[in-house]
Amino acid sequence: MLTEDKPKVRDTSSTLEPILESTLESSVQVPTPRPRTKTLLPVITWEKLPADFILPDDPVDNILQPTIAAGLTEILNEAGLVGENTLICTDYGMIATVDGKTIAKAPDWAYVANITVPFQEVDRSYTPHLEGEVPTIVLEFLSTTDGTEYSMKPDNPMGKWYFYEQVLKVPYYGIFEPLSGDFQVYQLNEFGRYDRLLIEESGRYWIEPMQLSIAAWKGVRHQRMGYWLRFWDAEGNLLPWASEKRAQKEAEAEQERQRADQESQRADQESERAEQERQRADRESQRADRLAQRLKDLGLEAD
């Protein structure tokens, strides 16, 4: 994979892909920072989820959310980009203890490059620092239900934005609206606050630690035409889903079959031409033999 820095341009570029135009005109506003007050910083510790802690078991808002998340995971698996210790999860509890209180948030999709414990120890939840790295990126998919994706509330309940930015300190946070295709990615800055990540000329967001770009893409998957999230590699190649890889292999196999058929036809034609040439040579030889015999019969010798 290439490792050079990717050029960044402002997201008002007129060269963006049509499917991503909606990301440039989002009506969703970034949370306005709260006025600075002399409040004590929360005490954050990293403790395993208590065995008796009841994780939220809310149903997803619609069938699209798990399908979009599964598509992202499938892409990374098909590309061979999931390591032995990589944790990719959907609607799965991320845990932190804030001022002695266990806080659990379940992003719609999260990517953790490396965990340091066996997977059976994180079957219910994951505590960064205690059980591995902080997620590289978390994604939330918007719906008609207010899921506090943009909430900066520190409590009652704690907003997701606050939790990912101020507690977990996740480097990249993406918010996707599947119906409109609006997609925004934020990056943690040097002051521990999220800034809107600039879109590349390609219309995609470059995620440096993953060496991949991510963007909304419009097309068909599972018989649904609409917006999906996709990854591209450092060379700008769209990473395929398993179904696309199969279709590509089938197309390549069909092309190879057609090429082999054409080669076989050419070989048959060459063989037929060779047979015709042999027959012509035989006829010429027979004609010459007959002529020689006639001359002999006439008492003449052929030169």
Protein backbone atom coordinates (compact mmCIF):
# COMPACT_ATOMS: atom_id res chain seq x y z
CA MET A 1 0.00 0.00 0.00
CA LEU A 2 1.17 3.55 -0.67
CA THR A 3 2.05 5.55 2.38
CA GLU A 4 2.50 9.09 1.01
CA ASP A 5 0.18 11.77 2.34
CA LYS A 6 -2.92 12.33 0.24
CA PRO A 7 -3.67 15.84 -1.07
CA LYS A 8 -6.58 17.56 0.60
CA VAL A 9 -8.89 20.16 -0.94
CA ARG A 10 -11.89 21.93 0.34
CA ASP A 11 -15.20 20.16 0.09
CA THR A 12 -16.61 22.88 -2.23
CA SER A 13 -14.79 21.38 -5.20
CA SER A 14 -16.94 21.13 -8.32
CA THR A 15 -15.16 17.93 -9.35
CA LEU A 16 -16.72 15.70 -6.75
CA GLU A 17 -18.53 12.56 -7.86
CA PRO A 18 -22.30 13.11 -8.33
CA ILE A 19 -23.13 10.51 -5.71
CA LEU A 20 -21.35 12.60 -3.11
CA GLU A 21 -22.85 15.99 -3.87
CA SER A 22 -25.16 15.68 -0.90
CA THR A 23 -22.18 15.51 1.45
CA LEU A 24 -21.30 19.07 0.51
CA GLU A 25 -24.70 20.56 1.31
CA SER A 26 -25.56 18.92 4.57
CA SER A 27 -28.25 20.53 6.59
CA VAL A 28 -26.92 18.94 9.77
CA GLN A 29 -24.91 21.34 11.87
CA VAL A 30 -21.77 20.52 13.80
CA PRO A 31 -22.43 20.88 17.51
CA THR A 32 -21.67 24.35 18.80
CA PRO A 33 -18.95 24.14 21.48
CA ARG A 34 -20.24 24.89 24.92
CA PRO A 35 -18.91 28.00 26.68
CA ARG A 36 -15.84 27.27 28.72
CA THR A 37 -16.57 26.98 32.38
CA LYS A 38 -14.40 26.07 35.30
CA THR A 39 -15.65 22.54 35.67
CA LEU A 40 -13.69 19.57 36.84
CA LEU A 41 -12.58 17.19 34.14
CA PRO A 42 -14.23 13.79 34.35
CA VAL A 43 -12.20 10.94 35.79
CA ILE A 44 -11.98 8.29 33.11
CA THR A 45 -10.83 4.75 33.86
CA TRP A 46 -10.76 1.64 31.72
CA GLU A 47 -12.47 -1.26 33.42
CA LYS A 48 -14.04 -4.44 32.13
CA LEU A 49 -17.79 -4.42 31.84
CA PRO A 50 -19.30 -5.75 35.09
CA ALA A 51 -20.87 -9.16 34.66
CA ASP A 52 -24.22 -7.90 35.95
CA PHE A 53 -24.29 -4.82 33.70
CA ILE A 54 -27.27 -4.98 31.34
CA LEU A 55 -26.31 -3.74 27.92
CA PRO A 56 -28.97 -1.90 25.89
CA ASP A 57 -30.77 -4.26 23.54
CA ASP A 58 -32.63 -1.73 21.46
CA PRO A 59 -33.71 -2.92 18.01
CA VAL A 60 -32.11 -1.25 15.02
CA ASP A 61 -34.17 1.49 13.42
CA ASN A 62 -34.31 -0.29 10.06
CA ILE A 63 -32.81 -3.20 8.17
CA LEU A 64 -30.52 -0.86 6.24
CA GLN A 65 -28.19 -0.18 9.16
CA PRO A 66 -26.86 -3.72 9.71
CA THR A 67 -26.71 -4.27 5.95
CA ILE A 68 -24.55 -1.19 5.42
CA ALA A 69 -22.30 -2.18 8.31
CA ALA A 70 -21.98 -5.76 7.04
CA GLY A 71 -20.99 -4.41 3.62
CA LEU A 72 -18.07 -2.46 5.08
CA THR A 73 -16.81 -5.47 7.01
CA GLU A 74 -17.17 -7.71 3.96
CA ILE A 75 -15.07 -5.34 1.86
CA LEU A 76 -12.17 -5.42 4.33
CA ASN A 77 -12.36 -9.19 4.64
CA GLU A 78 -12.40 -9.69 0.88
CA ALA A 79 -9.40 -7.37 0.53
CA GLY A 80 -7.44 -9.32 3.15
CA LEU A 81 -7.21 -6.25 5.37
CA VAL A 82 -8.49 -7.84 8.58
CA GLY A 83 -5.65 -8.99 10.81
CA GLU A 84 -5.74 -11.79 13.36
CA ASN A 85 -6.21 -9.26 16.16
CA THR A 86 -8.48 -6.83 14.32
CA LEU A 87 -11.88 -6.22 15.86
CA ILE A 88 -14.68 -5.01 13.57
CA CYS A 89 -18.02 -4.70 15.27
CA THR A 90 -21.59 -3.55 14.72
CA ASP A 91 -23.95 -2.33 17.46
CA TYR A 92 -21.44 -3.58 19.98
CA GLY A 93 -20.73 -2.03 23.37
CA MET A 94 -17.71 0.27 23.73
CA ILE A 95 -17.03 0.68 27.45
CA ALA A 96 -15.50 3.38 29.62
CA THR A 97 -15.91 4.24 33.28
CA VAL A 98 -16.57 7.95 33.79
CA ASP A 99 -16.56 9.30 37.34
CA GLY A 100 -17.10 5.77 38.59
CA LYS A 101 -20.08 5.14 36.30
CA THR A 102 -19.99 2.52 33.55
CA ILE A 103 -20.81 4.06 30.17
CA ALA A 104 -21.63 1.88 27.18
CA LYS A 105 -22.17 3.15 23.64
CA ALA A 106 -22.72 0.92 20.63
CA PRO A 107 -21.61 2.51 17.34
CA ASP A 108 -23.25 1.23 14.19
CA TRP A 109 -19.79 0.22 12.94
CA ALA A 110 -16.34 0.38 14.48
CA TYR A 111 -12.84 -0.69 13.45
CA VAL A 112 -10.20 -1.56 16.05
CA ALA A 113 -6.85 -2.36 14.43
CA ASN A 114 -5.48 -4.43 17.30
CA ILE A 115 -6.84 -5.97 20.46
CA THR A 116 -4.53 -7.47 23.06
CA VAL A 117 -6.77 -10.11 24.61
CA PRO A 118 -8.36 -13.30 23.21
CA PHE A 119 -11.58 -12.69 21.33
CA GLN A 120 -13.60 -14.71 23.83
CA GLU A 121 -12.82 -12.02 26.40
CA VAL A 122 -14.54 -9.36 24.31
CA ASP A 123 -17.63 -11.34 23.37
CA ARG A 124 -19.98 -8.92 25.19
CA SER A 125 -18.14 -5.62 24.99
CA TYR A 126 -14.81 -3.93 24.45
CA THR A 127 -12.88 -1.62 26.77
CA PRO A 128 -10.16 0.37 24.98
CA HIS A 129 -6.74 0.60 26.66
CA LEU A 130 -7.63 -2.34 28.89
CA GLU A 131 -8.25 -4.80 26.05
CA GLY A 132 -6.56 -3.15 23.12
CA GLU A 133 -6.32 0.00 21.06
CA VAL A 134 -8.83 2.81 20.76
CA PRO A 135 -11.00 2.33 17.66
CA THR A 136 -9.47 3.94 14.59
CA ILE A 137 -12.89 4.97 13.31
CA VAL A 138 -16.49 4.68 14.45
CA LEU A 139 -19.51 5.24 12.23
CA GLU A 140 -23.08 6.14 13.05
CA PHE A 141 -25.98 5.85 10.60
CA LEU A 142 -28.69 8.45 11.04
CA SER A 143 -32.37 7.59 11.17
CA THR A 144 -35.62 9.25 12.09
CA THR A 145 -34.89 8.43 15.73
CA ASP A 146 -32.71 10.89 17.62
CA GLY A 147 -29.68 8.78 18.46
CA THR A 148 -27.58 11.62 19.96
CA GLU A 149 -24.98 11.22 17.18
CA TYR A 150 -24.30 14.98 17.38
CA SER A 151 -24.92 15.35 21.10
CA MET A 152 -22.25 16.97 23.25
CA LYS A 153 -24.13 16.22 26.48
CA PRO A 154 -21.77 14.84 29.12
CA ASP A 155 -24.55 13.03 30.99
CA ASN A 156 -28.26 12.21 31.30
CA PRO A 157 -27.62 10.57 28.88
CA MET A 158 -24.11 11.12 27.59
CA GLY A 159 -24.13 12.05 23.90
CA LYS A 160 -22.32 9.91 21.37
CA TRP A 161 -20.29 12.84 20.05
CA TYR A 162 -19.10 13.62 23.57
CA PHE A 163 -18.33 9.96 24.28
CA TYR A 164 -16.29 9.41 21.11
CA GLU A 165 -14.51 12.77 21.27
CA GLN A 166 -13.95 13.43 24.97
CA VAL A 167 -13.95 9.95 26.50
CA LEU A 168 -12.72 7.39 23.95
CA LYS A 169 -10.91 10.00 21.82
CA VAL A 170 -11.57 8.10 18.61
CA PRO A 171 -9.39 9.60 15.83
CA TYR A 172 -12.10 9.47 13.14
CA TYR A 173 -15.86 9.74 13.55
CA GLY A 174 -18.22 9.39 10.59
CA ILE A 175 -21.94 10.12 10.39
CA PHE A 176 -23.91 8.74 7.44
CA GLU A 177 -27.47 9.42 6.34
CA PRO A 178 -28.34 6.41 4.12
CA LEU A 179 -31.40 7.88 2.42
CA SER A 180 -29.80 11.11 1.18
CA GLY A 181 -26.23 9.81 0.96
CA ASP A 182 -24.98 12.64 3.15
CA PHE A 183 -21.72 11.55 4.77
CA GLN A 184 -19.47 13.56 7.05
CA VAL A 185 -16.20 12.48 8.65
CA TYR A 186 -14.56 14.27 11.56
CA GLN A 187 -10.97 13.98 12.76
CA LEU A 188 -9.69 14.57 16.26
CA ASN A 189 -7.42 17.62 16.26
CA GLU A 190 -4.44 18.42 18.46
CA PHE A 191 -6.74 19.98 21.05
CA GLY A 192 -8.87 16.86 21.37
CA ARG A 193 -11.80 18.25 19.38
CA TYR A 194 -13.39 17.04 16.18
CA ASP A 195 -12.82 19.02 12.99
CA ARG A 196 -14.60 18.27 9.73
CA LEU A 197 -12.18 16.24 7.62
CA LEU A 198 -11.58 17.81 4.21
CA ILE A 199 -12.73 15.84 1.19
CA GLU A 200 -10.17 14.82 -1.41
CA GLU A 201 -10.45 15.78 -5.09
CA SER A 202 -11.88 12.30 -5.63
CA GLY A 203 -14.80 13.14 -3.35
CA ARG A 204 -13.63 10.72 -0.67
CA TYR A 205 -12.26 10.97 2.88
CA TRP A 206 -8.73 9.67 3.41
CA ILE A 207 -8.32 7.62 6.62
CA GLU A 208 -4.56 7.72 7.13
CA PRO A 209 -4.12 4.86 9.68
CA MET A 210 -6.07 2.46 7.45
CA GLN A 211 -4.45 3.68 4.22
CA LEU A 212 -7.93 3.69 2.72
CA SER A 213 -10.47 6.22 1.56
CA ILE A 214 -14.15 6.03 2.46
CA ALA A 215 -17.15 7.66 0.82
CA ALA A 216 -20.80 7.26 -0.02
CA TRP A 217 -21.46 5.30 -3.20
CA LYS A 218 -24.71 4.93 -5.09
CA GLY A 219 -25.53 1.59 -6.63
CA VAL A 220 -27.25 -1.76 -6.21
CA ARG A 221 -26.58 -4.23 -3.42
CA HIS A 222 -28.96 -6.91 -2.18
CA GLN A 223 -31.48 -5.77 -4.80
CA ARG A 224 -31.58 -2.27 -3.33
CA MET A 225 -30.62 0.79 -5.32
CA GLY A 226 -29.38 3.47 -2.96
CA TYR A 227 -26.45 4.88 -1.04
CA TRP A 228 -23.84 2.69 0.61
CA LEU A 229 -20.46 3.26 2.23
CA ARG A 230 -17.46 1.92 0.33
CA PHE A 231 -13.68 1.81 0.70
CA TRP A 232 -11.03 2.64 -1.93
CA ASP A 233 -7.34 1.74 -1.73
CA ALA A 234 -4.46 4.23 -1.88
CA GLU A 235 -4.33 3.95 -5.67
CA GLY A 236 -7.99 4.91 -5.94
CA ASN A 237 -9.28 1.43 -6.73
CA LEU A 238 -12.76 0.61 -5.43
CA LEU A 239 -12.55 -2.40 -3.12
CA PRO A 240 -15.21 -4.92 -4.16
CA TRP A 241 -17.82 -6.85 -2.24
CA ALA A 242 -17.73 -10.64 -2.44
CA SER A 243 -20.56 -10.66 -5.00
CA GLU A 244 -18.63 -8.23 -7.19
CA LYS A 245 -15.49 -10.36 -6.94
CA ARG A 246 -17.48 -13.41 -7.97
CA ALA A 247 -19.04 -11.54 -10.86
CA GLN A 248 -15.61 -10.30 -11.92
CA LYS A 249 -14.17 -13.82 -11.75
CA GLU A 250 -17.11 -15.18 -13.72
CA ALA A 251 -16.65 -12.47 -16.33
CA GLU A 252 -12.92 -13.21 -16.53
CA ALA A 253 -13.66 -16.93 -16.79
CA GLU A 254 -16.17 -16.26 -19.58
CA GLN A 255 -13.64 -14.09 -21.39
CA GLU A 256 -11.04 -16.85 -21.02
CA ARG A 257 -13.55 -19.42 -22.33
CA GLN A 258 -14.30 -17.22 -25.31
CA ARG A 259 -10.59 -16.70 -25.94
CA ALA A 260 -10.00 -20.47 -25.73
CA ASP A 261 -12.91 -21.05 -28.14
CA GLN A 262 -11.43 -18.54 -30.54
CA GLU A 263 -8.01 -20.19 -30.29
CA SER A 264 -9.63 -23.58 -30.88
CA GLN A 265 -11.47 -22.24 -33.92
CA ARG A 266 -8.26 -20.74 -35.27
CA ALA A 267 -6.48 -24.06 -34.68
CA ASP A 268 -9.27 -25.90 -36.48
CA GLN A 269 -9.07 -23.46 -39.36
CA GLU A 270 -5.29 -23.91 -39.54
CA SER A 271 -5.74 -27.68 -39.47
CA GLU A 272 -8.37 -27.46 -42.20
CA ARG A 273 -6.08 -25.28 -44.32
CA ALA A 274 -3.22 -27.73 -43.75
CA GLU A 275 -5.47 -30.63 -44.79
CA GLN A 276 -6.56 -28.74 -47.88
CA GLU A 277 -2.93 -28.05 -48.73
CA ARG A 278 -2.06 -31.72 -48.24
CA GLN A 279 -4.92 -32.77 -50.47
CA ARG A 280 -3.84 -30.24 -53.11
CA ALA A 281 -0.29 -31.56 -52.92
CA ASP A 282 -1.63 -35.11 -53.30
CA ARG A 283 -3.63 -34.10 -56.34
CA GLU A 284 -0.60 -32.41 -57.85
CA SER A 285 1.48 -35.53 -57.18
CA GLN A 286 -1.18 -37.78 -58.71
CA ARG A 287 -1.47 -35.52 -61.77
CA ALA A 288 2.30 -35.60 -62.17
CA ASP A 289 2.31 -39.40 -61.87
CA ARG A 290 -0.42 -39.72 -64.49
CA LEU A 291 1.43 -37.41 -66.86
CA ALA A 292 4.63 -39.36 -66.39
CA GLN A 293 2.79 -42.61 -67.09
CA ARG A 294 1.23 -41.23 -70.30
CA LEU A 295 4.60 -40.06 -71.52
CA LYS A 296 6.04 -43.46 -70.77
CA ASP A 297 3.22 -45.13 -72.61
CA LEU A 298 3.99 -42.92 -75.59
CA GLY A 299 7.64 -43.89 -75.38
CA LEU A 300 8.66 -40.54 -74.21
CA GLU A 301 10.69 -39.78 -71.20
CA ALA A 302 9.60 -36.95 -68.91
CA ASP A 303 12.28 -34.34 -68.31
